[in-house]
Amino acid sequence: MTDYVYLKLQKFSGSDLTVDTIPLKITSAQFSVDKNIPNFTIPFGGIGLGQSRTIALDTGKAERRLSLTGFIVDDTLKRSHTRVDPNDSTSAVKTLEFTAQEIAQLIASGVDATGINEYQAFQEIVILMDSKVDKDYKDRGQAADASVTQLGTVVTQIPFTFKSRGDAGELDNVGAFLAKDDFPTSSTSTGLKGFVSSFSFSFAAETVEIEFNMEFTIADVLP
C-alpha cells in the first residue's frame, strides 16, 4: 500500500494531495475500535429465570485508533507558502527535494506543535482503499476517477472512513438523524480527522531509509 497514505497539515485546503501534505510509505496499517458500553448485572436475576441477566446501555462511545508502520525515503514536498516567485501569490508552488532525515524531522516537529501552528501540526490522514460501491449503494460504473478495472467492474480509490452510506435517516444511516451525506466519493474526499498521538523513528548508519511507527487517534480536535 505504498504511496496511498497522506498526512495532511492543518493548513491543507483544496484537493491537491501534493501540497501541504507528507506522503508516507506504509507497510502495515492497523485499525482499532474500542467500544465502551456501561453494563451491570441485575441482582437476583437468576431467580425464576434460571440464568443471570446483564443490562448494557449503548451510549455511542467508542475510541478509534490507527497504528502505522513504514519507512521514510528522500522525497519531494510542496508548501503553499513557498512560491516559485515569492512576490506573486498566483505563482506556482515550488517543489523541493528533502532527505529522509529532513522529512522525519518535519513530522516530529509537527507532532510536537499545536493546531495553532498551521504549517506544522497535522489534522488529517488519508489512507486510500479500493471501492466498487458508491455512497448510494450503486455500482460505481464508469466513474471519472476510476483507477482500476477488475473483471469489468470499475474500482475507485476513496479514503478509509468510519462514515456510513446514505443521508440522515437513509440507507445505513437509518436512526442517525444528524448524519450527513458525506461518504467518500473520490480520492480527494476527506480522510480521517484527528491527531498524531505518537511518532517514533531511528537513524541507522547502515540504511538509507528510516523506519518509523506512528499512532493516529481519530477525533474532532478543538480549536
C-alpha atoms as a PDB file:
ATOM      1  CA  MET A   1       0.000   0.000   0.000  1.00  0.00           C
ATOM      2  CA  THR A   2       2.971   2.261  -0.547  1.00  0.00           C
ATOM      3  CA  ASP A   3       2.120   5.779  -1.844  1.00  0.00           C
ATOM      4  CA  TYR A   4      -1.543   5.578  -0.802  1.00  0.00           C
ATOM      5  CA  VAL A   5      -1.216   7.299   2.583  1.00  0.00           C
ATOM      6  CA  TYR A   6      -1.008  11.069   3.064  1.00  0.00           C
ATOM      7  CA  LEU A   7      -0.560  13.064   6.264  1.00  0.00           C
ATOM      8  CA  LYS A   8      -2.216  16.461   5.872  1.00  0.00           C
ATOM      9  CA  LEU A   9      -1.068  19.657   7.545  1.00  0.00           C
ATOM     10  CA  GLN A  10      -3.541  21.811   9.454  1.00  0.00           C
ATOM     11  CA  LYS A  11      -3.150  24.356   6.629  1.00  0.00           C
ATOM     12  CA  PHE A  12      -4.184  21.908   3.902  1.00  0.00           C
ATOM     13  CA  SER A  13      -7.054  23.060   1.694  1.00  0.00           C
ATOM     14  CA  GLY A  14      -8.412  22.178  -1.729  1.00  0.00           C
ATOM     15  CA  SER A  15      -7.937  18.790  -3.355  1.00  0.00           C
ATOM     16  CA  ASP A  16      -4.269  18.652  -4.409  1.00  0.00           C
ATOM     17  CA  LEU A  17      -2.700  15.880  -2.324  1.00  0.00           C
ATOM     18  CA  THR A  18       0.804  17.024  -3.306  1.00  0.00           C
ATOM     19  CA  VAL A  19       0.574  20.398  -1.498  1.00  0.00           C
ATOM     20  CA  ASP A  20       0.767  20.784   2.314  1.00  0.00           C
ATOM     21  CA  THR A  21       0.942  17.033   2.815  1.00  0.00           C
ATOM     22  CA  ILE A  22       3.571  14.422   3.608  1.00  0.00           C
ATOM     23  CA  PRO A  23       3.194  11.147   1.681  1.00  0.00           C
ATOM     24  CA  LEU A  24       4.033   8.078   3.755  1.00  0.00           C
ATOM     25  CA  LYS A  25       5.482   4.760   2.620  1.00  0.00           C
ATOM     26  CA  ILE A  26       3.396   2.321   4.644  1.00  0.00           C
ATOM     27  CA  THR A  27       3.985  -1.411   5.050  1.00  0.00           C
ATOM     28  CA  SER A  28       1.244  -2.000   7.633  1.00  0.00           C
ATOM     29  CA  ALA A  29      -1.852  -0.126   8.834  1.00  0.00           C
ATOM     30  CA  GLN A  30      -3.737  -1.495  11.821  1.00  0.00           C
ATOM     31  CA  PHE A  31      -7.160  -0.114  12.774  1.00  0.00           C
ATOM     32  CA  SER A  32      -8.552  -0.396  16.298  1.00  0.00           C
ATOM     33  CA  VAL A  33     -12.070   0.399  17.535  1.00  0.00           C
ATOM     34  CA  ASP A  34     -12.813   0.033  21.249  1.00  0.00           C
ATOM     35  CA  LYS A  35     -16.498   0.127  22.189  1.00  0.00           C
ATOM     36  CA  ASN A  36     -17.315   1.476  25.649  1.00  0.00           C
ATOM     37  CA  ILE A  37     -20.749   0.283  26.848  1.00  0.00           C
ATOM     38  CA  PRO A  38     -21.579   0.619  30.564  1.00  0.00           C
ATOM     39  CA  ASN A  39     -23.110  -2.605  31.870  1.00  0.00           C
ATOM     40  CA  PHE A  40     -24.205  -4.117  35.158  1.00  0.00           C
ATOM     41  CA  THR A  41     -25.585  -7.434  36.380  1.00  0.00           C
ATOM     42  CA  ILE A  42     -29.120  -7.469  37.790  1.00  0.00           C
ATOM     43  CA  PRO A  43     -29.171  -8.731  41.371  1.00  0.00           C
ATOM     44  CA  PHE A  44     -31.196 -11.921  41.810  1.00  0.00           C
ATOM     45  CA  GLY A  45     -31.660 -12.075  38.029  1.00  0.00           C
ATOM     46  CA  GLY A  46     -31.133 -15.835  38.074  1.00  0.00           C
ATOM     47  CA  ILE A  47     -34.110 -16.423  40.367  1.00  0.00           C
ATOM     48  CA  GLY A  48     -37.037 -17.698  38.373  1.00  0.00           C
ATOM     49  CA  LEU A  49     -35.250 -17.439  35.005  1.00  0.00           C
ATOM     50  CA  GLY A  50     -32.520 -19.897  35.896  1.00  0.00           C
ATOM     51  CA  GLN A  51     -29.844 -17.637  34.426  1.00  0.00           C
ATOM     52  CA  SER A  52     -28.251 -14.354  35.356  1.00  0.00           C
ATOM     53  CA  ARG A  53     -29.072 -11.143  33.483  1.00  0.00           C
ATOM     54  CA  THR A  54     -26.741  -8.323  32.478  1.00  0.00           C
ATOM     55  CA  ILE A  55     -28.011  -4.984  31.213  1.00  0.00           C
ATOM     56  CA  ALA A  56     -25.890  -2.817  28.919  1.00  0.00           C
ATOM     57  CA  LEU A  57     -26.557   0.766  27.887  1.00  0.00           C
ATOM     58  CA  ASP A  58     -25.182   1.689  24.448  1.00  0.00           C
ATOM     59  CA  THR A  59     -24.301   5.369  24.757  1.00  0.00           C
ATOM     60  CA  GLY A  60     -22.445   5.509  21.445  1.00  0.00           C
ATOM     61  CA  LYS A  61     -18.973   5.796  22.976  1.00  0.00           C
ATOM     62  CA  ALA A  62     -16.034   4.324  21.104  1.00  0.00           C
ATOM     63  CA  GLU A  63     -12.343   5.051  20.717  1.00  0.00           C
ATOM     64  CA  ARG A  64     -10.765   4.737  17.272  1.00  0.00           C
ATOM     65  CA  ARG A  65      -7.022   4.476  16.660  1.00  0.00           C
ATOM     66  CA  LEU A  66      -4.724   3.794  13.766  1.00  0.00           C
ATOM     67  CA  SER A  67      -1.260   2.245  14.012  1.00  0.00           C
ATOM     68  CA  LEU A  68       1.091   2.712  11.057  1.00  0.00           C
ATOM     69  CA  THR A  69       4.409   1.083  10.296  1.00  0.00           C
ATOM     70  CA  GLY A  70       6.556   2.081   7.360  1.00  0.00           C
ATOM     71  CA  PHE A  71       9.687   3.816   6.158  1.00  0.00           C
ATOM     72  CA  ILE A  72      10.735   7.291   5.056  1.00  0.00           C
ATOM     73  CA  VAL A  73      12.892   7.946   1.996  1.00  0.00           C
ATOM     74  CA  ASP A  74      14.086  11.048   0.160  1.00  0.00           C
ATOM     75  CA  ASP A  75      11.055  12.695  -1.436  1.00  0.00           C
ATOM     76  CA  THR A  76       9.702  15.933  -2.903  1.00  0.00           C
ATOM     77  CA  LEU A  77       7.362  18.144  -0.879  1.00  0.00           C
ATOM     78  CA  LYS A  78       5.394  21.321  -1.543  1.00  0.00           C
ATOM     79  CA  ARG A  79       4.243  24.093   0.796  1.00  0.00           C
ATOM     80  CA  SER A  80       1.588  26.609  -0.235  1.00  0.00           C
ATOM     81  CA  HIS A  81       3.651  29.414   1.349  1.00  0.00           C
ATOM     82  CA  THR A  82       6.630  28.714  -0.937  1.00  0.00           C
ATOM     83  CA  ARG A  83       6.138  30.063  -4.452  1.00  0.00           C
ATOM     84  CA  VAL A  84       8.434  29.984  -7.462  1.00  0.00           C
ATOM     85  CA  ASP A  85       8.038  33.769  -7.492  1.00  0.00           C
ATOM     86  CA  PRO A  86       7.698  34.845  -3.829  1.00  0.00           C
ATOM     87  CA  ASN A  87       6.332  38.232  -4.927  1.00  0.00           C
ATOM     88  CA  ASP A  88       3.434  36.701  -6.909  1.00  0.00           C
ATOM     89  CA  SER A  89       0.683  34.943  -4.920  1.00  0.00           C
ATOM     90  CA  THR A  90      -0.560  33.262  -8.114  1.00  0.00           C
ATOM     91  CA  SER A  91       2.844  31.805  -8.935  1.00  0.00           C
ATOM     92  CA  ALA A  92       3.234  28.024  -8.955  1.00  0.00           C
ATOM     93  CA  VAL A  93       4.131  26.289  -5.698  1.00  0.00           C
ATOM     94  CA  LYS A  94       7.796  25.351  -5.564  1.00  0.00           C
ATOM     95  CA  THR A  95       8.766  21.666  -5.465  1.00  0.00           C
ATOM     96  CA  LEU A  96      11.685  20.910  -3.145  1.00  0.00           C
ATOM     97  CA  GLU A  97      13.520  17.629  -2.547  1.00  0.00           C
ATOM     98  CA  PHE A  98      14.004  16.650   1.091  1.00  0.00           C
ATOM     99  CA  THR A  99      16.216  13.973   2.579  1.00  0.00           C
ATOM    100  CA  ALA A 100      14.631  11.176   4.586  1.00  0.00           C
ATOM    101  CA  GLN A 101      16.116  12.687   7.744  1.00  0.00           C
ATOM    102  CA  GLU A 102      14.577  16.077   6.952  1.00  0.00           C
ATOM    103  CA  ILE A 103      11.137  14.544   6.417  1.00  0.00           C
ATOM    104  CA  ALA A 104      11.381  12.642   9.710  1.00  0.00           C
ATOM    105  CA  GLN A 105      12.306  15.927  11.400  1.00  0.00           C
ATOM    106  CA  LEU A 106       9.311  17.690   9.807  1.00  0.00           C
ATOM    107  CA  ILE A 107       6.924  15.041  11.100  1.00  0.00           C
ATOM    108  CA  ALA A 108       8.477  15.073  14.574  1.00  0.00           C
ATOM    109  CA  SER A 109       8.237  18.862  14.821  1.00  0.00           C
ATOM    110  CA  GLY A 110       4.628  18.706  13.594  1.00  0.00           C
ATOM    111  CA  VAL A 111       3.639  16.206  16.259  1.00  0.00           C
ATOM    112  CA  ASP A 112       5.328  18.433  18.839  1.00  0.00           C
ATOM    113  CA  ALA A 113       3.364  21.506  17.652  1.00  0.00           C
ATOM    114  CA  THR A 114      -0.245  22.587  18.287  1.00  0.00           C
ATOM    115  CA  GLY A 115      -3.149  23.282  15.924  1.00  0.00           C
ATOM    116  CA  ILE A 116      -2.294  26.984  16.017  1.00  0.00           C
ATOM    117  CA  ASN A 117       0.864  26.170  14.025  1.00  0.00           C
ATOM    118  CA  GLU A 118      -0.965  25.544  10.749  1.00  0.00           C
ATOM    119  CA  TYR A 119       2.116  24.660   8.729  1.00  0.00           C
ATOM    120  CA  GLN A 120       3.400  22.237  11.367  1.00  0.00           C
ATOM    121  CA  ALA A 121       0.541  20.374  13.050  1.00  0.00           C
ATOM    122  CA  PHE A 122      -1.370  17.560  11.342  1.00  0.00           C
ATOM    123  CA  GLN A 123      -5.161  17.358  11.298  1.00  0.00           C
ATOM    124  CA  GLU A 124      -5.983  14.525   8.938  1.00  0.00           C
ATOM    125  CA  ILE A 125      -4.667  11.312   7.456  1.00  0.00           C
ATOM    126  CA  VAL A 126      -5.767   9.823   4.149  1.00  0.00           C
ATOM    127  CA  ILE A 127      -5.500   6.077   3.556  1.00  0.00           C
ATOM    128  CA  LEU A 128      -6.758   5.253   0.093  1.00  0.00           C
ATOM    129  CA  MET A 129      -8.589   1.975  -0.479  1.00  0.00           C
ATOM    130  CA  ASP A 130     -10.346   0.395  -3.461  1.00  0.00           C
ATOM    131  CA  SER A 131     -14.138   0.787  -3.695  1.00  0.00           C
ATOM    132  CA  LYS A 132     -16.715  -0.656  -6.115  1.00  0.00           C
ATOM    133  CA  VAL A 133     -19.922   0.603  -4.409  1.00  0.00           C
ATOM    134  CA  ASP A 134     -20.728   4.331  -4.139  1.00  0.00           C
ATOM    135  CA  LYS A 135     -22.420   6.291  -1.350  1.00  0.00           C
ATOM    136  CA  ASP A 136     -25.896   5.362  -2.673  1.00  0.00           C
ATOM    137  CA  TYR A 137     -25.213   1.594  -2.806  1.00  0.00           C
ATOM    138  CA  LYS A 138     -24.830   1.652  -6.575  1.00  0.00           C
ATOM    139  CA  ASP A 139     -22.041   0.172  -8.681  1.00  0.00           C
ATOM    140  CA  ARG A 140     -19.642   2.966  -9.446  1.00  0.00           C
ATOM    141  CA  GLY A 141     -19.878   2.275 -13.167  1.00  0.00           C
ATOM    142  CA  GLN A 142     -17.631   4.357 -15.376  1.00  0.00           C
ATOM    143  CA  ALA A 143     -16.579   6.800 -12.678  1.00  0.00           C
ATOM    144  CA  ALA A 144     -14.484   9.737 -13.860  1.00  0.00           C
ATOM    145  CA  ASP A 145     -11.649   8.966 -11.457  1.00  0.00           C
ATOM    146  CA  ALA A 146     -11.744   5.193 -11.787  1.00  0.00           C
ATOM    147  CA  SER A 147      -8.251   3.840 -11.317  1.00  0.00           C
ATOM    148  CA  VAL A 148      -8.562   0.090 -11.861  1.00  0.00           C
ATOM    149  CA  THR A 149     -10.927  -2.249 -13.635  1.00  0.00           C
ATOM    150  CA  GLN A 150     -11.333  -5.752 -12.235  1.00  0.00           C
ATOM    151  CA  LEU A 151     -13.364  -8.251 -14.261  1.00  0.00           C
ATOM    152  CA  GLY A 152     -15.372  -5.442 -15.850  1.00  0.00           C
ATOM    153  CA  THR A 153     -16.129  -3.679 -12.549  1.00  0.00           C
ATOM    154  CA  VAL A 154     -14.819  -0.171 -12.031  1.00  0.00           C
ATOM    155  CA  VAL A 155     -12.748   0.259  -8.886  1.00  0.00           C
ATOM    156  CA  THR A 156     -12.300   3.774  -7.481  1.00  0.00           C
ATOM    157  CA  GLN A 157      -9.925   4.764  -4.718  1.00  0.00           C
ATOM    158  CA  ILE A 158     -11.505   6.515  -1.725  1.00  0.00           C
ATOM    159  CA  PRO A 159     -10.168   7.363   1.747  1.00  0.00           C
ATOM    160  CA  PHE A 160     -10.878   4.856   4.514  1.00  0.00           C
ATOM    161  CA  THR A 161     -13.681   6.215   6.693  1.00  0.00           C
ATOM    162  CA  PHE A 162     -15.882   5.411   9.670  1.00  0.00           C
ATOM    163  CA  LYS A 163     -18.806   7.167   7.977  1.00  0.00           C
ATOM    164  CA  SER A 164     -21.754   5.203   6.578  1.00  0.00           C
ATOM    165  CA  ARG A 165     -23.545   5.319   3.245  1.00  0.00           C
ATOM    166  CA  GLY A 166     -26.701   7.414   2.991  1.00  0.00           C
ATOM    167  CA  ASP A 167     -28.038  10.770   4.109  1.00  0.00           C
ATOM    168  CA  ALA A 168     -29.654  11.361   7.523  1.00  0.00           C
ATOM    169  CA  GLY A 169     -32.196   8.616   8.210  1.00  0.00           C
ATOM    170  CA  GLU A 170     -31.465   6.813   4.940  1.00  0.00           C
ATOM    171  CA  LEU A 171     -29.722   3.574   3.938  1.00  0.00           C
ATOM    172  CA  ASP A 172     -27.118   2.664   6.595  1.00  0.00           C
ATOM    173  CA  ASN A 173     -27.877   5.899   8.442  1.00  0.00           C
ATOM    174  CA  VAL A 174     -31.397   4.908   9.467  1.00  0.00           C
ATOM    175  CA  GLY A 175     -31.658   6.155  13.051  1.00  0.00           C
ATOM    176  CA  ALA A 176     -28.776   8.600  12.568  1.00  0.00           C
ATOM    177  CA  PHE A 177     -30.881  11.737  12.205  1.00  0.00           C
ATOM    178  CA  LEU A 178     -27.883  14.109  12.279  1.00  0.00           C
ATOM    179  CA  ALA A 179     -25.760  12.197   9.766  1.00  0.00           C
ATOM    180  CA  LYS A 180     -24.558  13.919   6.610  1.00  0.00           C
ATOM    181  CA  ASP A 181     -24.369  12.511   3.095  1.00  0.00           C
ATOM    182  CA  ASP A 182     -20.555  12.730   3.121  1.00  0.00           C
ATOM    183  CA  PHE A 183     -19.396   9.172   2.464  1.00  0.00           C
ATOM    184  CA  PRO A 184     -16.203   9.469   0.339  1.00  0.00           C
ATOM    185  CA  THR A 185     -16.798   9.788  -3.388  1.00  0.00           C
ATOM    186  CA  SER A 186     -13.242  10.022  -4.742  1.00  0.00           C
ATOM    187  CA  SER A 187      -9.568  10.031  -3.777  1.00  0.00           C
ATOM    188  CA  THR A 188      -9.822  13.727  -2.882  1.00  0.00           C
ATOM    189  CA  SER A 189     -12.594  13.250  -0.287  1.00  0.00           C
ATOM    190  CA  THR A 190     -11.922  13.909   3.392  1.00  0.00           C
ATOM    191  CA  GLY A 191      -9.984  11.224   5.232  1.00  0.00           C
ATOM    192  CA  LEU A 192      -9.710  10.563   8.969  1.00  0.00           C
ATOM    193  CA  LYS A 193      -9.666  13.676  11.172  1.00  0.00           C
ATOM    194  CA  GLY A 194      -7.629  13.587  14.353  1.00  0.00           C
ATOM    195  CA  PHE A 195      -4.093  13.920  15.637  1.00  0.00           C
ATOM    196  CA  VAL A 196      -0.791  12.034  15.707  1.00  0.00           C
ATOM    197  CA  SER A 197      -0.504  10.768  19.279  1.00  0.00           C
ATOM    198  CA  SER A 198       2.836   9.000  18.840  1.00  0.00           C
ATOM    199  CA  PHE A 199       5.680   9.060  16.306  1.00  0.00           C
ATOM    200  CA  SER A 200       8.922   7.149  16.705  1.00  0.00           C
ATOM    201  CA  PHE A 201      11.828   6.562  14.319  1.00  0.00           C
ATOM    202  CA  SER A 202      15.535   5.871  14.377  1.00  0.00           C
ATOM    203  CA  PHE A 203      18.591   6.887  12.376  1.00  0.00           C
ATOM    204  CA  ALA A 204      20.629   3.836  11.363  1.00  0.00           C
ATOM    205  CA  ALA A 205      24.039   4.242   9.724  1.00  0.00           C
ATOM    206  CA  GLU A 206      23.743   1.146   7.545  1.00  0.00           C
ATOM    207  CA  THR A 207      20.430   2.069   5.866  1.00  0.00           C
ATOM    208  CA  VAL A 208      19.222   4.868   3.608  1.00  0.00           C
ATOM    209  CA  GLU A 209      15.538   4.710   4.539  1.00  0.00           C
ATOM    210  CA  ILE A 210      14.216   5.490   8.023  1.00  0.00           C
ATOM    211  CA  GLU A 211      11.842   3.043   9.685  1.00  0.00           C
ATOM    212  CA  PHE A 212       9.054   4.586  11.744  1.00  0.00           C
ATOM    213  CA  ASN A 213       5.965   3.803  13.822  1.00  0.00           C
ATOM    214  CA  MET A 214       3.015   6.154  14.161  1.00  0.00           C
ATOM    215  CA  GLU A 215      -0.169   6.190  16.244  1.00  0.00           C
ATOM    216  CA  PHE A 216      -3.054   8.313  14.956  1.00  0.00           C
ATOM    217  CA  THR A 217      -6.128   8.980  17.104  1.00  0.00           C
ATOM    218  CA  ILE A 218      -9.393   9.750  15.283  1.00  0.00           C
ATOM    219  CA  ALA A 219     -11.037  12.751  16.947  1.00  0.00           C
ATOM    220  CA  ASP A 220     -12.562  16.180  16.415  1.00  0.00           C
ATOM    221  CA  VAL A 221      -9.698  18.384  17.560  1.00  0.00           C
ATOM    222  CA  LEU A 222     -10.517  21.785  19.065  1.00  0.00           C
ATOM    223  CA  PRO A 223      -9.999  24.601  18.401  1.00  0.00           C
END
